[in-house]
Amino acid sequence: MNETLPHQKALGLIETRGLVGAVEAADAMVKAAKVVLQGTELTTGAMVVVKVTGEVGAVRSAVDAGAEAAKRVGELISTHIIPRPHDDTEDMVFPETIPPGDDNPVDFSGFTVRELRKLARITPDIGMSGREISSANRDMLIKALEKSQQAGTICRFPTE
């Protein structure tokens, strides 16, 4: 996750409706405290989740500042801080990506449409909205996932 000691690391989350509030929150968070911006995630209904990590106190300060900033310019949905998240939680929030040029590219032909959709939803920058993923056929999903795989942004398929 980051360089902090295991007993000091924390995960901070802010969920907003719309990108403007999320960008404002992210900016305020990294300016307010020594945290690492781990990225954003677009969820359903134009919801955006901003993720930061760092020491527990810094994450608390950052989330408070980010929440206030998001309220000023957009709609704040929720905030949450998880001190010392379990490794499985980290794997869920920060899925491992396959680096470009991986010697073992994923063969998607054996995946079911349900598995392809699940993988597409956790792959950053896939170029499809959640609604598009839900209505995409097998060929469209495979094409998008192969493109992400070539760009090095595809996530490894969850093991369970």
N, C-alpha and C. Protein backbone atom coordinates (compact mmCIF):
# COMPACT_ATOMS: atom_id res chain seq x y z
N MET A 1 0.83 -1.18 0.00
CA MET A 1 0.00 0.00 0.00
C MET A 1 0.87 1.24 0.00
N ASN A 2 1.62 1.52 1.08
CA ASN A 2 2.58 2.62 1.07
C ASN A 2 3.68 2.32 2.07
N GLU A 3 4.54 3.30 2.33
CA GLU A 3 5.73 3.05 3.13
C GLU A 3 5.50 3.14 4.64
N THR A 4 4.32 3.46 5.11
CA THR A 4 4.11 3.61 6.54
C THR A 4 4.20 2.25 7.22
N LEU A 5 4.45 2.28 8.52
CA LEU A 5 4.53 1.04 9.28
C LEU A 5 3.16 0.38 9.34
N PRO A 6 3.11 -0.95 9.41
CA PRO A 6 1.82 -1.64 9.37
C PRO A 6 0.82 -1.15 10.42
N HIS A 7 1.26 -0.83 11.63
CA HIS A 7 0.32 -0.39 12.66
C HIS A 7 -0.11 1.06 12.48
N GLN A 8 0.47 1.76 11.52
CA GLN A 8 0.13 3.16 11.30
C GLN A 8 -0.67 3.38 10.04
N LYS A 9 -0.77 2.41 9.15
CA LYS A 9 -1.42 2.65 7.87
C LYS A 9 -2.93 2.69 8.03
N ALA A 10 -3.54 3.50 7.20
CA ALA A 10 -5.00 3.62 7.20
C ALA A 10 -5.46 3.89 5.78
N LEU A 11 -6.70 3.56 5.53
CA LEU A 11 -7.33 3.80 4.24
C LEU A 11 -8.45 4.80 4.45
N GLY A 12 -8.44 5.88 3.67
CA GLY A 12 -9.50 6.87 3.74
C GLY A 12 -10.29 6.89 2.45
N LEU A 13 -11.61 6.94 2.56
CA LEU A 13 -12.48 6.93 1.39
C LEU A 13 -13.47 8.09 1.46
N ILE A 14 -13.66 8.75 0.34
CA ILE A 14 -14.70 9.77 0.21
C ILE A 14 -15.48 9.44 -1.05
N GLU A 15 -16.80 9.40 -0.90
CA GLU A 15 -17.67 9.13 -2.04
C GLU A 15 -18.49 10.37 -2.34
N THR A 16 -18.46 10.79 -3.60
CA THR A 16 -19.20 11.97 -4.04
C THR A 16 -20.08 11.60 -5.23
N ARG A 17 -21.05 12.45 -5.48
CA ARG A 17 -21.81 12.29 -6.73
C ARG A 17 -21.23 13.30 -7.70
N GLY A 18 -20.60 12.81 -8.76
CA GLY A 18 -20.00 13.66 -9.77
C GLY A 18 -18.50 13.81 -9.59
N LEU A 19 -17.84 14.14 -10.68
CA LEU A 19 -16.38 14.22 -10.70
C LEU A 19 -15.84 15.49 -10.05
N VAL A 20 -16.54 16.60 -10.19
CA VAL A 20 -16.02 17.87 -9.68
C VAL A 20 -15.81 17.81 -8.17
N GLY A 21 -16.77 17.30 -7.44
CA GLY A 21 -16.62 17.16 -5.99
C GLY A 21 -15.48 16.22 -5.62
N ALA A 22 -15.31 15.16 -6.41
CA ALA A 22 -14.24 14.20 -6.14
C ALA A 22 -12.87 14.83 -6.38
N VAL A 23 -12.74 15.61 -7.44
CA VAL A 23 -11.46 16.27 -7.73
C VAL A 23 -11.15 17.27 -6.63
N GLU A 24 -12.14 18.04 -6.22
CA GLU A 24 -11.94 19.02 -5.15
C GLU A 24 -11.56 18.33 -3.85
N ALA A 25 -12.22 17.21 -3.55
CA ALA A 25 -11.90 16.45 -2.34
C ALA A 25 -10.47 15.92 -2.40
N ALA A 26 -10.09 15.33 -3.52
CA ALA A 26 -8.74 14.78 -3.67
C ALA A 26 -7.69 15.87 -3.48
N ASP A 27 -7.91 17.02 -4.09
CA ASP A 27 -6.97 18.13 -3.97
C ASP A 27 -6.84 18.58 -2.52
N ALA A 28 -7.96 18.73 -1.84
CA ALA A 28 -7.94 19.16 -0.44
C ALA A 28 -7.27 18.12 0.45
N MET A 29 -7.49 16.85 0.16
CA MET A 29 -6.92 15.78 0.99
C MET A 29 -5.40 15.78 0.94
N VAL A 30 -4.84 15.87 -0.26
CA VAL A 30 -3.38 15.81 -0.35
C VAL A 30 -2.72 17.11 0.12
N LYS A 31 -3.46 18.19 0.11
CA LYS A 31 -2.92 19.45 0.63
C LYS A 31 -3.01 19.54 2.15
N ALA A 32 -3.99 18.86 2.74
CA ALA A 32 -4.24 18.97 4.17
C ALA A 32 -3.33 18.10 5.03
N ALA A 33 -2.86 17.00 4.50
CA ALA A 33 -2.09 16.07 5.32
C ALA A 33 -1.16 15.25 4.45
N LYS A 34 -0.22 14.60 5.10
CA LYS A 34 0.74 13.75 4.39
C LYS A 34 0.09 12.39 4.12
N VAL A 35 -0.66 12.35 3.00
CA VAL A 35 -1.30 11.12 2.56
C VAL A 35 -0.93 10.87 1.11
N VAL A 36 -1.14 9.65 0.67
CA VAL A 36 -0.87 9.29 -0.71
C VAL A 36 -2.21 9.08 -1.40
N LEU A 37 -2.45 9.83 -2.47
CA LEU A 37 -3.66 9.65 -3.25
C LEU A 37 -3.51 8.37 -4.06
N GLN A 38 -4.33 7.39 -3.76
CA GLN A 38 -4.23 6.08 -4.42
C GLN A 38 -5.09 6.00 -5.67
N GLY A 39 -5.95 6.99 -5.87
CA GLY A 39 -6.74 7.01 -7.09
C GLY A 39 -8.20 7.22 -6.81
N THR A 40 -8.97 7.16 -7.89
CA THR A 40 -10.42 7.30 -7.82
C THR A 40 -11.05 6.11 -8.51
N GLU A 41 -12.29 5.90 -8.20
CA GLU A 41 -13.03 4.81 -8.82
C GLU A 41 -14.43 5.30 -9.13
N LEU A 42 -14.83 5.15 -10.37
CA LEU A 42 -16.18 5.52 -10.79
C LEU A 42 -17.09 4.34 -10.50
N THR A 43 -18.15 4.60 -9.72
CA THR A 43 -19.11 3.54 -9.42
C THR A 43 -20.42 3.88 -10.11
N THR A 44 -21.49 3.24 -9.73
CA THR A 44 -22.77 3.47 -10.39
C THR A 44 -23.36 4.82 -10.03
N GLY A 45 -24.25 5.32 -10.88
CA GLY A 45 -24.97 6.56 -10.60
C GLY A 45 -24.10 7.78 -10.50
N ALA A 46 -23.02 7.85 -11.28
CA ALA A 46 -22.09 8.99 -11.29
C ALA A 46 -21.40 9.18 -9.95
N MET A 47 -21.33 8.14 -9.16
CA MET A 47 -20.62 8.21 -7.89
C MET A 47 -19.13 8.01 -8.14
N VAL A 48 -18.32 8.78 -7.42
CA VAL A 48 -16.87 8.66 -7.54
C VAL A 48 -16.31 8.47 -6.13
N VAL A 49 -15.45 7.48 -5.98
CA VAL A 49 -14.79 7.22 -4.70
C VAL A 49 -13.34 7.67 -4.82
N VAL A 50 -12.88 8.48 -3.87
CA VAL A 50 -11.49 8.92 -3.79
C VAL A 50 -10.83 8.12 -2.68
N LYS A 51 -9.64 7.55 -2.96
CA LYS A 51 -8.96 6.69 -1.99
C LYS A 51 -7.60 7.28 -1.63
N VAL A 52 -7.33 7.39 -0.33
CA VAL A 52 -6.01 7.83 0.13
C VAL A 52 -5.52 6.87 1.21
N THR A 53 -4.20 6.83 1.38
CA THR A 53 -3.59 6.03 2.44
C THR A 53 -2.56 6.87 3.16
N GLY A 54 -2.22 6.44 4.35
CA GLY A 54 -1.22 7.12 5.16
C GLY A 54 -1.36 6.74 6.61
N GLU A 55 -0.71 7.51 7.47
CA GLU A 55 -0.85 7.28 8.90
C GLU A 55 -2.26 7.63 9.33
N VAL A 56 -2.74 6.98 10.37
CA VAL A 56 -4.14 7.11 10.78
C VAL A 56 -4.53 8.58 11.00
N GLY A 57 -3.74 9.32 11.74
CA GLY A 57 -4.06 10.72 12.02
C GLY A 57 -4.09 11.58 10.77
N ALA A 58 -3.14 11.34 9.87
CA ALA A 58 -3.09 12.10 8.62
C ALA A 58 -4.30 11.78 7.75
N VAL A 59 -4.68 10.53 7.70
CA VAL A 59 -5.84 10.14 6.90
C VAL A 59 -7.11 10.77 7.46
N ARG A 60 -7.23 10.79 8.79
CA ARG A 60 -8.41 11.42 9.41
C ARG A 60 -8.49 12.90 9.02
N SER A 61 -7.37 13.60 9.13
CA SER A 61 -7.34 15.02 8.76
C SER A 61 -7.66 15.21 7.28
N ALA A 62 -7.09 14.38 6.45
CA ALA A 62 -7.30 14.49 5.02
C ALA A 62 -8.76 14.24 4.64
N VAL A 63 -9.36 13.23 5.23
CA VAL A 63 -10.76 12.92 4.92
C VAL A 63 -11.68 14.05 5.39
N ASP A 64 -11.40 14.61 6.56
CA ASP A 64 -12.21 15.74 7.03
C ASP A 64 -12.11 16.92 6.07
N ALA A 65 -10.90 17.25 5.66
CA ALA A 65 -10.70 18.37 4.73
C ALA A 65 -11.34 18.08 3.37
N GLY A 66 -11.18 16.87 2.89
CA GLY A 66 -11.77 16.49 1.61
C GLY A 66 -13.28 16.51 1.63
N ALA A 67 -13.86 16.09 2.74
CA ALA A 67 -15.33 16.10 2.86
C ALA A 67 -15.86 17.52 2.82
N GLU A 68 -15.22 18.44 3.53
CA GLU A 68 -15.65 19.84 3.52
C GLU A 68 -15.53 20.43 2.12
N ALA A 69 -14.44 20.12 1.44
CA ALA A 69 -14.23 20.65 0.10
C ALA A 69 -15.28 20.10 -0.88
N ALA A 70 -15.58 18.82 -0.76
CA ALA A 70 -16.56 18.21 -1.66
C ALA A 70 -17.95 18.80 -1.44
N LYS A 71 -18.30 19.09 -0.19
CA LYS A 71 -19.60 19.69 0.12
C LYS A 71 -19.75 21.08 -0.51
N ARG A 72 -18.64 21.81 -0.58
CA ARG A 72 -18.69 23.17 -1.12
C ARG A 72 -19.02 23.22 -2.61
N VAL A 73 -18.56 22.23 -3.36
CA VAL A 73 -18.72 22.29 -4.82
C VAL A 73 -19.60 21.19 -5.40
N GLY A 74 -20.00 20.24 -4.60
CA GLY A 74 -20.77 19.12 -5.13
C GLY A 74 -21.55 18.44 -4.03
N GLU A 75 -21.84 17.17 -4.25
CA GLU A 75 -22.63 16.40 -3.31
C GLU A 75 -21.78 15.33 -2.65
N LEU A 76 -21.59 15.45 -1.36
CA LEU A 76 -20.85 14.44 -0.59
C LEU A 76 -21.83 13.33 -0.22
N ILE A 77 -21.48 12.10 -0.54
CA ILE A 77 -22.33 10.95 -0.22
C ILE A 77 -21.92 10.33 1.11
N SER A 78 -20.64 10.00 1.25
CA SER A 78 -20.18 9.39 2.50
C SER A 78 -18.67 9.48 2.62
N THR A 79 -18.19 9.27 3.84
CA THR A 79 -16.76 9.19 4.11
C THR A 79 -16.53 7.99 5.02
N HIS A 80 -15.33 7.45 4.95
CA HIS A 80 -15.00 6.33 5.85
C HIS A 80 -13.50 6.22 5.98
N ILE A 81 -13.06 5.84 7.17
CA ILE A 81 -11.65 5.61 7.45
C ILE A 81 -11.52 4.20 8.03
N ILE A 82 -10.57 3.45 7.48
CA ILE A 82 -10.31 2.10 8.00
C ILE A 82 -8.87 2.08 8.50
N PRO A 83 -8.68 2.14 9.82
CA PRO A 83 -7.32 2.00 10.35
C PRO A 83 -6.86 0.56 10.19
N ARG A 84 -5.62 0.37 9.77
CA ARG A 84 -5.03 -0.96 9.63
C ARG A 84 -5.92 -1.93 8.85
N PRO A 85 -6.22 -1.64 7.59
CA PRO A 85 -7.08 -2.56 6.84
C PRO A 85 -6.41 -3.93 6.65
N HIS A 86 -7.22 -4.95 6.67
CA HIS A 86 -6.75 -6.32 6.45
C HIS A 86 -6.22 -6.44 5.02
N ASP A 87 -5.28 -7.33 4.79
CA ASP A 87 -4.70 -7.53 3.46
C ASP A 87 -5.76 -7.84 2.41
N ASP A 88 -6.78 -8.63 2.78
CA ASP A 88 -7.84 -8.96 1.84
C ASP A 88 -8.64 -7.73 1.45
N THR A 89 -8.81 -6.81 2.39
CA THR A 89 -9.50 -5.56 2.10
C THR A 89 -8.67 -4.74 1.12
N GLU A 90 -7.37 -4.67 1.34
CA GLU A 90 -6.49 -3.95 0.42
C GLU A 90 -6.56 -4.55 -0.99
N ASP A 91 -6.59 -5.88 -1.08
CA ASP A 91 -6.67 -6.52 -2.39
C ASP A 91 -7.96 -6.15 -3.11
N MET A 92 -9.04 -5.99 -2.35
CA MET A 92 -10.31 -5.62 -2.96
C MET A 92 -10.30 -4.16 -3.42
N VAL A 93 -9.73 -3.28 -2.61
CA VAL A 93 -9.74 -1.85 -2.91
C VAL A 93 -8.67 -1.49 -3.93
N PHE A 94 -7.54 -2.19 -3.91
CA PHE A 94 -6.43 -1.92 -4.83
C PHE A 94 -6.10 -3.20 -5.60
N PRO A 95 -6.92 -3.57 -6.60
CA PRO A 95 -6.64 -4.80 -7.34
C PRO A 95 -5.31 -4.73 -8.06
N GLU A 96 -4.63 -5.86 -8.13
CA GLU A 96 -3.33 -5.94 -8.80
C GLU A 96 -3.52 -5.87 -10.31
N THR A 97 -2.75 -5.02 -10.95
CA THR A 97 -2.84 -4.93 -12.41
C THR A 97 -1.74 -5.77 -13.05
N ILE A 98 -2.00 -6.21 -14.25
CA ILE A 98 -1.03 -6.98 -15.01
C ILE A 98 -0.16 -6.00 -15.78
N PRO A 99 1.15 -6.02 -15.62
CA PRO A 99 2.00 -5.05 -16.30
C PRO A 99 2.00 -5.25 -17.82
N PRO A 100 2.25 -4.15 -18.58
CA PRO A 100 2.32 -4.30 -20.04
C PRO A 100 3.42 -5.28 -20.41
N GLY A 101 3.18 -6.05 -21.45
CA GLY A 101 4.18 -6.99 -21.92
C GLY A 101 4.30 -8.22 -21.04
N ASP A 102 3.31 -8.48 -20.21
CA ASP A 102 3.33 -9.67 -19.36
C ASP A 102 3.50 -10.90 -20.26
N ASP A 103 4.38 -11.79 -19.86
CA ASP A 103 4.66 -12.97 -20.67
C ASP A 103 3.50 -13.97 -20.69
N ASN A 104 2.55 -13.82 -19.79
CA ASN A 104 1.42 -14.73 -19.72
C ASN A 104 0.11 -13.96 -19.87
N PRO A 105 -0.19 -13.49 -21.08
CA PRO A 105 -1.43 -12.73 -21.25
C PRO A 105 -2.64 -13.62 -20.96
N VAL A 106 -3.70 -12.99 -20.51
CA VAL A 106 -4.92 -13.71 -20.16
C VAL A 106 -5.66 -14.09 -21.43
N ASP A 107 -6.09 -15.35 -21.51
CA ASP A 107 -6.93 -15.81 -22.61
C ASP A 107 -8.37 -15.75 -22.12
N PHE A 108 -9.13 -14.80 -22.66
CA PHE A 108 -10.48 -14.55 -22.19
C PHE A 108 -11.51 -15.50 -22.78
N SER A 109 -11.13 -16.34 -23.73
CA SER A 109 -12.10 -17.19 -24.43
C SER A 109 -12.78 -18.19 -23.51
N GLY A 110 -12.13 -18.57 -22.43
CA GLY A 110 -12.72 -19.54 -21.51
C GLY A 110 -13.57 -18.92 -20.41
N PHE A 111 -13.67 -17.60 -20.38
CA PHE A 111 -14.42 -16.91 -19.35
C PHE A 111 -15.91 -16.85 -19.72
N THR A 112 -16.76 -16.93 -18.73
CA THR A 112 -18.19 -16.73 -18.98
C THR A 112 -18.44 -15.22 -19.12
N VAL A 113 -19.59 -14.86 -19.65
CA VAL A 113 -19.94 -13.44 -19.79
C VAL A 113 -19.99 -12.80 -18.40
N ARG A 114 -20.49 -13.51 -17.43
CA ARG A 114 -20.55 -12.99 -16.05
C ARG A 114 -19.14 -12.69 -15.52
N GLU A 115 -18.20 -13.61 -15.75
CA GLU A 115 -16.82 -13.39 -15.32
C GLU A 115 -16.18 -12.23 -16.07
N LEU A 116 -16.47 -12.12 -17.36
CA LEU A 116 -15.93 -11.00 -18.15
C LEU A 116 -16.45 -9.67 -17.62
N ARG A 117 -17.72 -9.62 -17.28
CA ARG A 117 -18.29 -8.38 -16.73
C ARG A 117 -17.68 -8.05 -15.37
N LYS A 118 -17.48 -9.05 -14.56
CA LYS A 118 -16.88 -8.83 -13.24
C LYS A 118 -15.46 -8.27 -13.40
N LEU A 119 -14.70 -8.84 -14.30
CA LEU A 119 -13.34 -8.38 -14.56
C LEU A 119 -13.34 -6.97 -15.15
N ALA A 120 -14.27 -6.70 -16.06
CA ALA A 120 -14.35 -5.37 -16.67
C ALA A 120 -14.66 -4.30 -15.63
N ARG A 121 -15.49 -4.65 -14.65
CA ARG A 121 -15.86 -3.66 -13.62
C ARG A 121 -14.71 -3.28 -12.70
N ILE A 122 -13.75 -4.19 -12.50
CA ILE A 122 -12.63 -3.87 -11.62
C ILE A 122 -11.40 -3.38 -12.37
N THR A 123 -11.49 -3.35 -13.70
CA THR A 123 -10.36 -2.90 -14.51
C THR A 123 -10.43 -1.39 -14.70
N PRO A 124 -9.40 -0.66 -14.22
CA PRO A 124 -9.43 0.80 -14.38
C PRO A 124 -9.28 1.21 -15.84
N ASP A 125 -9.90 2.32 -16.19
CA ASP A 125 -9.77 2.90 -17.53
C ASP A 125 -10.12 1.92 -18.64
N ILE A 126 -11.17 1.14 -18.46
CA ILE A 126 -11.56 0.18 -19.49
C ILE A 126 -12.27 0.86 -20.66
N GLY A 127 -12.75 2.07 -20.44
CA GLY A 127 -13.40 2.80 -21.52
C GLY A 127 -14.87 2.45 -21.68
N MET A 128 -15.46 1.85 -20.67
CA MET A 128 -16.88 1.50 -20.70
C MET A 128 -17.50 1.89 -19.37
N SER A 129 -18.71 2.42 -19.42
CA SER A 129 -19.42 2.72 -18.18
C SER A 129 -20.00 1.43 -17.62
N GLY A 130 -20.46 1.48 -16.39
CA GLY A 130 -21.07 0.32 -15.78
C GLY A 130 -22.27 -0.18 -16.56
N ARG A 131 -23.07 0.76 -17.08
CA ARG A 131 -24.24 0.39 -17.88
C ARG A 131 -23.82 -0.29 -19.18
N GLU A 132 -22.75 0.25 -19.80
CA GLU A 132 -22.24 -0.36 -21.04
C GLU A 132 -21.71 -1.77 -20.79
N ILE A 133 -21.04 -1.95 -19.65
CA ILE A 133 -20.54 -3.28 -19.29
C ILE A 133 -21.70 -4.24 -19.11
N SER A 134 -22.76 -3.77 -18.43
CA SER A 134 -23.92 -4.62 -18.18
C SER A 134 -24.62 -5.08 -19.45
N SER A 135 -24.62 -4.22 -20.48
CA SER A 135 -25.32 -4.57 -21.71
C SER A 135 -24.40 -5.09 -22.81
N ALA A 136 -23.09 -5.10 -22.57
CA ALA A 136 -22.15 -5.54 -23.59
C ALA A 136 -22.23 -7.05 -23.80
N ASN A 137 -22.04 -7.45 -25.06
CA ASN A 137 -22.00 -8.88 -25.34
C ASN A 137 -20.58 -9.40 -25.12
N ARG A 138 -20.43 -10.67 -25.25
CA ARG A 138 -19.14 -11.35 -25.00
C ARG A 138 -18.01 -10.75 -25.83
N ASP A 139 -18.24 -10.57 -27.14
CA ASP A 139 -17.19 -10.06 -28.02
C ASP A 139 -16.76 -8.64 -27.64
N MET A 140 -17.73 -7.80 -27.28
CA MET A 140 -17.40 -6.42 -26.87
C MET A 140 -16.56 -6.41 -25.60
N LEU A 141 -16.92 -7.27 -24.64
CA LEU A 141 -16.18 -7.35 -23.39
C LEU A 141 -14.75 -7.85 -23.63
N ILE A 142 -14.62 -8.89 -24.43
CA ILE A 142 -13.29 -9.43 -24.72
C ILE A 142 -12.43 -8.39 -25.42
N LYS A 143 -13.00 -7.67 -26.37
CA LYS A 143 -12.25 -6.63 -27.09
C LYS A 143 -11.76 -5.54 -26.13
N ALA A 144 -12.63 -5.08 -25.23
CA ALA A 144 -12.24 -4.04 -24.27
C ALA A 144 -11.18 -4.56 -23.30
N LEU A 145 -11.33 -5.79 -22.84
CA LEU A 145 -10.36 -6.36 -21.91
C LEU A 145 -9.01 -6.60 -22.58
N GLU A 146 -9.02 -7.04 -23.82
CA GLU A 146 -7.75 -7.23 -24.55
C GLU A 146 -7.04 -5.90 -24.76
N LYS A 147 -7.81 -4.86 -25.04
CA LYS A 147 -7.22 -3.52 -25.20
C LYS A 147 -6.60 -3.05 -23.89
N SER A 148 -7.30 -3.28 -22.79
CA SER A 148 -6.75 -2.92 -21.48
C SER A 148 -5.52 -3.74 -21.15
N GLN A 149 -5.54 -5.01 -21.54
CA GLN A 149 -4.39 -5.88 -21.29
C GLN A 149 -3.16 -5.37 -22.03
N GLN A 150 -3.35 -4.93 -23.27
CA GLN A 150 -2.24 -4.40 -24.05
C GLN A 150 -1.71 -3.10 -23.44
N ALA A 151 -2.60 -2.31 -22.86
CA ALA A 151 -2.20 -1.04 -22.24
C ALA A 151 -1.62 -1.24 -20.85
N GLY A 152 -1.77 -2.45 -20.31
CA GLY A 152 -1.23 -2.73 -18.99
C GLY A 152 -2.12 -2.25 -17.86
N THR A 153 -3.42 -2.07 -18.12
CA THR A 153 -4.31 -1.60 -17.07
C THR A 153 -5.32 -2.63 -16.62
N ILE A 154 -5.20 -3.85 -17.10
CA ILE A 154 -6.17 -4.87 -16.71
C ILE A 154 -5.80 -5.43 -15.34
N CYS A 155 -6.81 -5.79 -14.58
CA CYS A 155 -6.59 -6.36 -13.25
C CYS A 155 -6.56 -7.87 -13.33
N ARG A 156 -5.87 -8.46 -12.39
CA ARG A 156 -5.88 -9.92 -12.32
C ARG A 156 -7.26 -10.35 -11.84
N PHE A 157 -7.73 -11.47 -12.38
CA PHE A 157 -9.07 -11.95 -12.02
C PHE A 157 -9.06 -12.40 -10.58
N PRO A 158 -10.09 -12.01 -9.81
CA PRO A 158 -10.16 -12.45 -8.41
C PRO A 158 -10.13 -13.98 -8.31
N THR A 159 -9.44 -14.48 -7.30
CA THR A 159 -9.25 -15.92 -7.18
C THR A 159 -10.47 -16.66 -6.66
N GLU A 160 -11.42 -15.96 -6.07
CA GLU A 160 -12.62 -16.63 -5.55
C GLU A 160 -13.84 -16.16 -6.24
